[in-house]
Amino acid sequence: MSHSDQDPCPTPAARKQAPFSPRAAAVFLVGLSFLVMVVSGLAVTVAPAGRLARELDWSLLGLGRTQWELLHLSMGLLFIGAGGWHIWLHWPVIRNLLWSAAARTLCHRRELALAVGLVGGVIVLAILWWPPVSWLDSLAAWFRTGGR
């Protein structure tokens, strides 16, 4: 087992003495806020429209539509901050994924092209309101109107 594969906290005593890791905190914040945003985004999507939700006294897991919206917005802001912190802390790694100083060339071109293509494609689909993005809006509208 190499040094990097060893558990940094193999015993309870080692866990107590382990220093705080900003990198681990950033990774956990990004991951957990993302998971909460997924759940809250789904809840807001399936929730009836505001007035209808109030009339029906709609709730999911004890939270009403307004609470789900606020949770989603709050987690979005936390995710943006944690993502920025994560990028700042890991910038040397990200830079090395993009650029090889030794070869003086762009690295991971296929992976970068895939990411840019997918993000760009979804942006274009959303702006032009084309399927399957338009289907998501129609599905959300169907939930907002109570299936009518």
N, C-alpha and C. Protein backbone atom coordinates (compact mmCIF):
# COMPACT_ATOMS: atom_id res chain seq x y z
N MET A 1 0.85 -1.18 0.00
CA MET A 1 0.00 0.00 0.00
C MET A 1 0.90 1.24 0.00
N SER A 2 0.63 2.15 -0.92
CA SER A 2 1.44 3.37 -0.96
C SER A 2 1.00 4.33 0.14
N HIS A 3 1.82 5.32 0.38
CA HIS A 3 1.52 6.30 1.43
C HIS A 3 0.17 6.98 1.19
N SER A 4 -0.16 7.29 -0.07
CA SER A 4 -1.40 8.00 -0.36
C SER A 4 -2.63 7.11 -0.17
N ASP A 5 -2.44 5.77 -0.16
CA ASP A 5 -3.56 4.86 0.02
C ASP A 5 -3.85 4.58 1.49
N GLN A 6 -2.98 5.03 2.40
CA GLN A 6 -3.16 4.75 3.81
C GLN A 6 -4.25 5.65 4.39
N ASP A 7 -5.00 5.11 5.32
CA ASP A 7 -6.03 5.86 6.01
C ASP A 7 -5.37 6.90 6.91
N PRO A 8 -5.66 8.21 6.72
CA PRO A 8 -5.02 9.22 7.56
C PRO A 8 -5.53 9.20 9.00
N CYS A 9 -6.63 8.53 9.24
CA CYS A 9 -7.21 8.48 10.58
C CYS A 9 -7.58 7.04 10.93
N PRO A 10 -6.60 6.14 11.06
CA PRO A 10 -6.92 4.73 11.28
C PRO A 10 -7.45 4.41 12.67
N THR A 11 -7.19 5.27 13.64
CA THR A 11 -7.63 4.98 15.01
C THR A 11 -8.36 6.19 15.57
N PRO A 12 -9.15 6.00 16.61
CA PRO A 12 -9.83 7.15 17.23
C PRO A 12 -8.84 8.23 17.70
N ALA A 13 -7.69 7.81 18.22
CA ALA A 13 -6.70 8.80 18.66
C ALA A 13 -6.18 9.61 17.48
N ALA A 14 -5.94 8.94 16.36
CA ALA A 14 -5.46 9.65 15.16
C ALA A 14 -6.53 10.61 14.63
N ARG A 15 -7.80 10.22 14.74
CA ARG A 15 -8.88 11.10 14.28
C ARG A 15 -8.93 12.38 15.12
N LYS A 16 -8.67 12.26 16.42
CA LYS A 16 -8.68 13.43 17.29
C LYS A 16 -7.52 14.37 16.98
N GLN A 17 -6.39 13.82 16.57
CA GLN A 17 -5.19 14.61 16.32
C GLN A 17 -5.09 15.11 14.88
N ALA A 18 -5.89 14.57 13.99
CA ALA A 18 -5.81 14.96 12.57
C ALA A 18 -6.15 16.44 12.44
N PRO A 19 -5.36 17.19 11.68
CA PRO A 19 -5.66 18.62 11.50
C PRO A 19 -6.89 18.80 10.61
N PHE A 20 -7.53 19.94 10.78
CA PHE A 20 -8.67 20.29 9.93
C PHE A 20 -8.20 20.37 8.49
N SER A 21 -8.94 19.77 7.58
CA SER A 21 -8.57 19.76 6.17
C SER A 21 -9.53 20.66 5.38
N PRO A 22 -9.08 21.85 4.95
CA PRO A 22 -9.95 22.71 4.13
C PRO A 22 -10.37 22.02 2.83
N ARG A 23 -9.48 21.22 2.25
CA ARG A 23 -9.83 20.52 1.01
C ARG A 23 -10.97 19.53 1.23
N ALA A 24 -10.89 18.76 2.30
CA ALA A 24 -11.96 17.81 2.59
C ALA A 24 -13.26 18.55 2.89
N ALA A 25 -13.18 19.65 3.63
CA ALA A 25 -14.37 20.43 3.94
C ALA A 25 -15.02 20.97 2.67
N ALA A 26 -14.21 21.46 1.73
CA ALA A 26 -14.74 21.98 0.47
C ALA A 26 -15.42 20.88 -0.33
N VAL A 27 -14.80 19.72 -0.38
CA VAL A 27 -15.39 18.59 -1.12
C VAL A 27 -16.72 18.18 -0.48
N PHE A 28 -16.76 18.07 0.85
CA PHE A 28 -18.00 17.68 1.53
C PHE A 28 -19.09 18.74 1.34
N LEU A 29 -18.73 20.02 1.43
CA LEU A 29 -19.71 21.08 1.24
C LEU A 29 -20.31 21.06 -0.17
N VAL A 30 -19.46 20.92 -1.16
CA VAL A 30 -19.94 20.85 -2.54
C VAL A 30 -20.86 19.64 -2.72
N GLY A 31 -20.42 18.50 -2.26
CA GLY A 31 -21.19 17.27 -2.43
C GLY A 31 -22.53 17.29 -1.70
N LEU A 32 -22.51 17.69 -0.44
CA LEU A 32 -23.76 17.70 0.34
C LEU A 32 -24.74 18.77 -0.13
N SER A 33 -24.23 19.95 -0.46
CA SER A 33 -25.15 20.99 -0.95
C SER A 33 -25.73 20.59 -2.29
N PHE A 34 -24.95 19.90 -3.12
CA PHE A 34 -25.47 19.40 -4.40
C PHE A 34 -26.60 18.40 -4.15
N LEU A 35 -26.41 17.46 -3.23
CA LEU A 35 -27.44 16.46 -2.95
C LEU A 35 -28.72 17.10 -2.44
N VAL A 36 -28.60 18.09 -1.55
CA VAL A 36 -29.79 18.78 -1.03
C VAL A 36 -30.47 19.55 -2.16
N MET A 37 -29.69 20.16 -3.07
CA MET A 37 -30.28 20.87 -4.20
C MET A 37 -31.03 19.92 -5.13
N VAL A 38 -30.53 18.72 -5.31
CA VAL A 38 -31.23 17.74 -6.14
C VAL A 38 -32.60 17.42 -5.53
N VAL A 39 -32.62 17.14 -4.25
CA VAL A 39 -33.88 16.80 -3.56
C VAL A 39 -34.82 17.99 -3.56
N SER A 40 -34.32 19.17 -3.20
CA SER A 40 -35.20 20.35 -3.15
C SER A 40 -35.65 20.75 -4.55
N GLY A 41 -34.80 20.60 -5.55
CA GLY A 41 -35.20 20.90 -6.93
C GLY A 41 -36.31 19.98 -7.39
N LEU A 42 -36.22 18.70 -7.06
CA LEU A 42 -37.29 17.77 -7.41
C LEU A 42 -38.58 18.13 -6.68
N ALA A 43 -38.46 18.51 -5.41
CA ALA A 43 -39.65 18.88 -4.64
C ALA A 43 -40.33 20.11 -5.23
N VAL A 44 -39.55 21.11 -5.61
CA VAL A 44 -40.12 22.32 -6.20
C VAL A 44 -40.74 21.99 -7.56
N THR A 45 -40.13 21.08 -8.29
CA THR A 45 -40.66 20.70 -9.60
C THR A 45 -42.01 20.01 -9.50
N VAL A 46 -42.16 19.13 -8.53
CA VAL A 46 -43.43 18.39 -8.40
C VAL A 46 -44.48 19.15 -7.60
N ALA A 47 -44.09 20.22 -6.93
CA ALA A 47 -45.05 20.98 -6.11
C ALA A 47 -46.04 21.71 -7.01
N PRO A 48 -47.29 21.77 -6.60
CA PRO A 48 -48.26 22.57 -7.36
C PRO A 48 -47.86 24.05 -7.34
N ALA A 49 -48.43 24.83 -8.25
CA ALA A 49 -48.16 26.26 -8.31
C ALA A 49 -48.46 26.89 -6.95
N GLY A 50 -47.85 28.06 -6.69
CA GLY A 50 -47.93 28.70 -5.38
C GLY A 50 -49.32 28.79 -4.79
N ARG A 51 -50.27 29.36 -5.55
CA ARG A 51 -51.63 29.54 -5.03
C ARG A 51 -52.30 28.18 -4.81
N LEU A 52 -52.14 27.29 -5.76
CA LEU A 52 -52.73 25.96 -5.63
C LEU A 52 -52.11 25.20 -4.46
N ALA A 53 -50.81 25.34 -4.29
CA ALA A 53 -50.13 24.68 -3.17
C ALA A 53 -50.67 25.18 -1.84
N ARG A 54 -50.91 26.50 -1.76
CA ARG A 54 -51.48 27.05 -0.52
C ARG A 54 -52.90 26.57 -0.30
N GLU A 55 -53.71 26.56 -1.35
CA GLU A 55 -55.10 26.12 -1.22
C GLU A 55 -55.20 24.65 -0.80
N LEU A 56 -54.29 23.85 -1.35
CA LEU A 56 -54.29 22.42 -1.02
C LEU A 56 -53.53 22.11 0.27
N ASP A 57 -52.86 23.13 0.81
CA ASP A 57 -51.98 22.95 1.96
C ASP A 57 -50.96 21.84 1.66
N TRP A 58 -50.38 21.93 0.46
CA TRP A 58 -49.43 20.92 -0.04
C TRP A 58 -48.16 20.95 0.78
N SER A 59 -47.66 19.75 1.08
CA SER A 59 -46.35 19.64 1.72
C SER A 59 -45.72 18.32 1.32
N LEU A 60 -44.41 18.29 1.43
CA LEU A 60 -43.64 17.09 1.16
C LEU A 60 -42.59 17.00 2.25
N LEU A 61 -42.56 15.90 2.96
CA LEU A 61 -41.64 15.71 4.08
C LEU A 61 -41.78 16.84 5.11
N GLY A 62 -43.00 17.34 5.27
CA GLY A 62 -43.27 18.37 6.26
C GLY A 62 -42.95 19.80 5.83
N LEU A 63 -42.48 19.99 4.60
CA LEU A 63 -42.16 21.34 4.11
C LEU A 63 -43.11 21.73 3.00
N GLY A 64 -43.58 22.98 3.04
CA GLY A 64 -44.43 23.50 1.98
C GLY A 64 -43.59 23.99 0.81
N ARG A 65 -44.27 24.40 -0.27
CA ARG A 65 -43.57 24.84 -1.47
C ARG A 65 -42.61 25.99 -1.19
N THR A 66 -43.06 26.99 -0.44
CA THR A 66 -42.21 28.15 -0.15
C THR A 66 -40.95 27.73 0.60
N GLN A 67 -41.09 26.81 1.54
CA GLN A 67 -39.93 26.33 2.29
C GLN A 67 -38.97 25.57 1.38
N TRP A 68 -39.50 24.75 0.47
CA TRP A 68 -38.65 24.04 -0.48
C TRP A 68 -37.91 25.01 -1.39
N GLU A 69 -38.62 26.06 -1.85
CA GLU A 69 -37.98 27.05 -2.71
C GLU A 69 -36.84 27.77 -1.97
N LEU A 70 -37.09 28.15 -0.73
CA LEU A 70 -36.07 28.83 0.06
C LEU A 70 -34.88 27.91 0.34
N LEU A 71 -35.17 26.65 0.64
CA LEU A 71 -34.10 25.67 0.86
C LEU A 71 -33.27 25.52 -0.42
N HIS A 72 -33.93 25.44 -1.57
CA HIS A 72 -33.23 25.28 -2.84
C HIS A 72 -32.36 26.50 -3.14
N LEU A 73 -32.89 27.69 -2.92
CA LEU A 73 -32.13 28.91 -3.16
C LEU A 73 -30.94 29.01 -2.21
N SER A 74 -31.16 28.72 -0.94
CA SER A 74 -30.09 28.78 0.05
C SER A 74 -28.98 27.79 -0.27
N MET A 75 -29.36 26.57 -0.63
CA MET A 75 -28.36 25.56 -0.98
C MET A 75 -27.63 25.95 -2.26
N GLY A 76 -28.33 26.60 -3.18
CA GLY A 76 -27.68 27.06 -4.40
C GLY A 76 -26.59 28.07 -4.10
N LEU A 77 -26.88 29.00 -3.19
CA LEU A 77 -25.87 29.99 -2.82
C LEU A 77 -24.70 29.33 -2.09
N LEU A 78 -25.00 28.39 -1.19
CA LEU A 78 -23.94 27.66 -0.51
C LEU A 78 -23.10 26.87 -1.51
N PHE A 79 -23.75 26.24 -2.47
CA PHE A 79 -23.06 25.47 -3.50
C PHE A 79 -22.13 26.37 -4.33
N ILE A 80 -22.58 27.55 -4.69
CA ILE A 80 -21.75 28.49 -5.46
C ILE A 80 -20.51 28.87 -4.64
N GLY A 81 -20.73 29.22 -3.37
CA GLY A 81 -19.59 29.58 -2.52
C GLY A 81 -18.64 28.42 -2.31
N ALA A 82 -19.18 27.24 -2.01
CA ALA A 82 -18.34 26.06 -1.78
C ALA A 82 -17.63 25.65 -3.07
N GLY A 83 -18.31 25.78 -4.21
CA GLY A 83 -17.68 25.46 -5.49
C GLY A 83 -16.52 26.39 -5.79
N GLY A 84 -16.71 27.67 -5.52
CA GLY A 84 -15.62 28.64 -5.71
C GLY A 84 -14.45 28.33 -4.81
N TRP A 85 -14.74 28.01 -3.55
CA TRP A 85 -13.69 27.65 -2.59
C TRP A 85 -12.96 26.39 -3.05
N HIS A 86 -13.73 25.40 -3.50
CA HIS A 86 -13.17 24.15 -3.99
C HIS A 86 -12.24 24.40 -5.18
N ILE A 87 -12.67 25.22 -6.12
CA ILE A 87 -11.83 25.54 -7.28
C ILE A 87 -10.56 26.26 -6.84
N TRP A 88 -10.70 27.21 -5.93
CA TRP A 88 -9.53 27.96 -5.44
C TRP A 88 -8.52 27.02 -4.77
N LEU A 89 -9.03 26.12 -3.91
CA LEU A 89 -8.13 25.20 -3.20
C LEU A 89 -7.47 24.19 -4.15
N HIS A 90 -8.17 23.79 -5.18
CA HIS A 90 -7.68 22.76 -6.09
C HIS A 90 -7.19 23.31 -7.42
N TRP A 91 -6.97 24.62 -7.49
CA TRP A 91 -6.56 25.23 -8.74
C TRP A 91 -5.29 24.59 -9.33
N PRO A 92 -4.26 24.28 -8.54
CA PRO A 92 -3.08 23.63 -9.15
C PRO A 92 -3.43 22.31 -9.85
N VAL A 93 -4.30 21.52 -9.26
CA VAL A 93 -4.71 20.26 -9.87
C VAL A 93 -5.49 20.53 -11.16
N ILE A 94 -6.43 21.46 -11.09
CA ILE A 94 -7.24 21.81 -12.27
C ILE A 94 -6.33 22.33 -13.39
N ARG A 95 -5.41 23.20 -13.04
CA ARG A 95 -4.47 23.75 -14.03
C ARG A 95 -3.67 22.63 -14.68
N ASN A 96 -3.22 21.67 -13.88
CA ASN A 96 -2.46 20.55 -14.43
C ASN A 96 -3.31 19.64 -15.31
N LEU A 97 -4.60 19.55 -15.03
CA LEU A 97 -5.49 18.78 -15.90
C LEU A 97 -5.66 19.47 -17.25
N LEU A 98 -5.63 20.80 -17.24
CA LEU A 98 -5.83 21.55 -18.47
C LEU A 98 -4.56 21.79 -19.26
N TRP A 99 -3.45 22.00 -18.58
CA TRP A 99 -2.24 22.45 -19.26
C TRP A 99 -1.03 21.67 -18.78
N SER A 100 -0.26 21.15 -19.73
CA SER A 100 0.99 20.48 -19.41
C SER A 100 2.13 21.46 -19.65
N ALA A 101 2.76 21.91 -18.57
CA ALA A 101 3.86 22.86 -18.70
C ALA A 101 5.04 22.21 -19.41
N ALA A 102 5.28 20.94 -19.12
CA ALA A 102 6.41 20.25 -19.73
C ALA A 102 6.23 20.13 -21.24
N ALA A 103 5.02 19.74 -21.66
CA ALA A 103 4.77 19.57 -23.09
C ALA A 103 4.30 20.86 -23.75
N ARG A 104 4.00 21.86 -22.94
CA ARG A 104 3.47 23.14 -23.43
C ARG A 104 2.27 22.93 -24.36
N THR A 105 1.31 22.17 -23.84
CA THR A 105 0.13 21.87 -24.63
C THR A 105 -1.10 21.69 -23.74
N LEU A 106 -2.25 21.80 -24.35
CA LEU A 106 -3.52 21.58 -23.67
C LEU A 106 -3.70 20.09 -23.45
N CYS A 107 -4.01 19.71 -22.23
CA CYS A 107 -4.20 18.30 -21.89
C CYS A 107 -5.69 17.99 -21.82
N HIS A 108 -5.99 16.73 -21.82
CA HIS A 108 -7.37 16.24 -21.65
C HIS A 108 -8.33 16.95 -22.59
N ARG A 109 -7.94 17.06 -23.84
CA ARG A 109 -8.75 17.78 -24.84
C ARG A 109 -10.11 17.12 -25.05
N ARG A 110 -10.15 15.80 -25.11
CA ARG A 110 -11.44 15.12 -25.33
C ARG A 110 -12.39 15.35 -24.17
N GLU A 111 -11.85 15.26 -22.95
CA GLU A 111 -12.70 15.45 -21.77
C GLU A 111 -13.22 16.89 -21.69
N LEU A 112 -12.34 17.84 -22.00
CA LEU A 112 -12.74 19.25 -22.02
C LEU A 112 -13.78 19.50 -23.10
N ALA A 113 -13.56 18.92 -24.29
CA ALA A 113 -14.52 19.08 -25.39
C ALA A 113 -15.88 18.48 -25.03
N LEU A 114 -15.87 17.32 -24.36
CA LEU A 114 -17.12 16.70 -23.93
C LEU A 114 -17.87 17.61 -22.97
N ALA A 115 -17.17 18.14 -21.96
CA ALA A 115 -17.80 19.00 -20.96
C ALA A 115 -18.34 20.28 -21.60
N VAL A 116 -17.54 20.93 -22.43
CA VAL A 116 -17.97 22.16 -23.10
C VAL A 116 -19.15 21.87 -24.03
N GLY A 117 -19.08 20.76 -24.76
CA GLY A 117 -20.17 20.40 -25.67
C GLY A 117 -21.47 20.13 -24.95
N LEU A 118 -21.42 19.37 -23.85
CA LEU A 118 -22.64 19.07 -23.09
C LEU A 118 -23.25 20.32 -22.47
N VAL A 119 -22.41 21.12 -21.83
CA VAL A 119 -22.91 22.34 -21.20
C VAL A 119 -23.46 23.29 -22.27
N GLY A 120 -22.70 23.48 -23.33
CA GLY A 120 -23.15 24.35 -24.41
C GLY A 120 -24.43 23.86 -25.06
N GLY A 121 -24.51 22.54 -25.27
CA GLY A 121 -25.72 21.96 -25.86
C GLY A 121 -26.95 22.17 -25.01
N VAL A 122 -26.82 21.97 -23.71
CA VAL A 122 -27.97 22.18 -22.82
C VAL A 122 -28.37 23.65 -22.79
N ILE A 123 -27.39 24.55 -22.82
CA ILE A 123 -27.69 25.99 -22.86
C ILE A 123 -28.48 26.32 -24.12
N VAL A 124 -28.04 25.83 -25.27
CA VAL A 124 -28.74 26.10 -26.54
C VAL A 124 -30.15 25.51 -26.50
N LEU A 125 -30.30 24.27 -26.04
CA LEU A 125 -31.62 23.65 -25.95
C LEU A 125 -32.56 24.46 -25.05
N ALA A 126 -32.03 24.95 -23.93
CA ALA A 126 -32.87 25.73 -23.00
C ALA A 126 -33.26 27.07 -23.61
N ILE A 127 -32.32 27.75 -24.26
CA ILE A 127 -32.62 29.05 -24.85
C ILE A 127 -33.64 28.91 -25.97
N LEU A 128 -33.50 27.88 -26.79
CA LEU A 128 -34.41 27.68 -27.93
C LEU A 128 -35.68 26.91 -27.54
N TRP A 129 -35.73 26.46 -26.31
CA TRP A 129 -36.87 25.70 -25.77
C TRP A 129 -37.16 24.49 -26.64
N TRP A 130 -36.10 23.71 -26.91
CA TRP A 130 -36.21 22.50 -27.70
C TRP A 130 -36.19 21.28 -26.80
N PRO A 131 -36.79 20.16 -27.26
CA PRO A 131 -36.72 18.91 -26.50
C PRO A 131 -35.27 18.44 -26.36
N PRO A 132 -34.94 17.76 -25.31
CA PRO A 132 -35.80 17.33 -24.21
C PRO A 132 -35.96 18.39 -23.11
N VAL A 133 -35.28 19.53 -23.24
CA VAL A 133 -35.40 20.57 -22.20
C VAL A 133 -36.84 21.09 -22.13
N SER A 134 -37.48 21.28 -23.27
CA SER A 134 -38.86 21.76 -23.25
C SER A 134 -39.79 20.76 -22.58
N TRP A 135 -39.47 19.47 -22.69
CA TRP A 135 -40.28 18.46 -22.03
C TRP A 135 -40.21 18.62 -20.51
N LEU A 136 -39.03 18.98 -20.00
CA LEU A 136 -38.90 19.20 -18.56
C LEU A 136 -39.80 20.34 -18.09
N ASP A 137 -39.85 21.41 -18.88
CA ASP A 137 -40.72 22.53 -18.53
C ASP A 137 -42.18 22.10 -18.57
N SER A 138 -42.56 21.33 -19.57
CA SER A 138 -43.94 20.84 -19.67
C SER A 138 -44.29 19.94 -18.49
N LEU A 139 -43.36 19.09 -18.10
CA LEU A 139 -43.58 18.20 -16.96
C LEU A 139 -43.75 19.02 -15.68
N ALA A 140 -42.88 20.01 -15.48
CA ALA A 140 -42.99 20.87 -14.30
C ALA A 140 -44.32 21.61 -14.30
N ALA A 141 -44.76 22.10 -15.46
CA ALA A 141 -46.05 22.80 -15.56
C ALA A 141 -47.20 21.85 -15.23
N TRP A 142 -47.09 20.60 -15.65
CA TRP A 142 -48.12 19.62 -15.37
C TRP A 142 -48.24 19.41 -13.85
N PHE A 143 -47.09 19.31 -13.17
CA PHE A 143 -47.12 19.17 -11.71
C PHE A 143 -47.69 20.42 -11.06
N ARG A 144 -47.28 21.61 -11.55
CA ARG A 144 -47.75 22.87 -10.95
C ARG A 144 -49.26 23.02 -11.04
N THR A 145 -49.86 22.51 -12.09
CA THR A 145 -51.32 22.63 -12.25
C THR A 145 -52.07 21.46 -11.64
N GLY A 146 -51.38 20.62 -10.94
CA GLY A 146 -52.04 19.48 -10.28
C GLY A 146 -52.43 18.39 -11.26
N GLY A 147 -51.72 18.27 -12.38
CA GLY A 147 -52.00 17.21 -13.35
C GLY A 147 -53.12 17.53 -14.30
N ARG A 148 -53.48 18.78 -14.38
CA ARG A 148 -54.57 19.17 -15.30
C ARG A 148 -54.04 19.65 -16.62
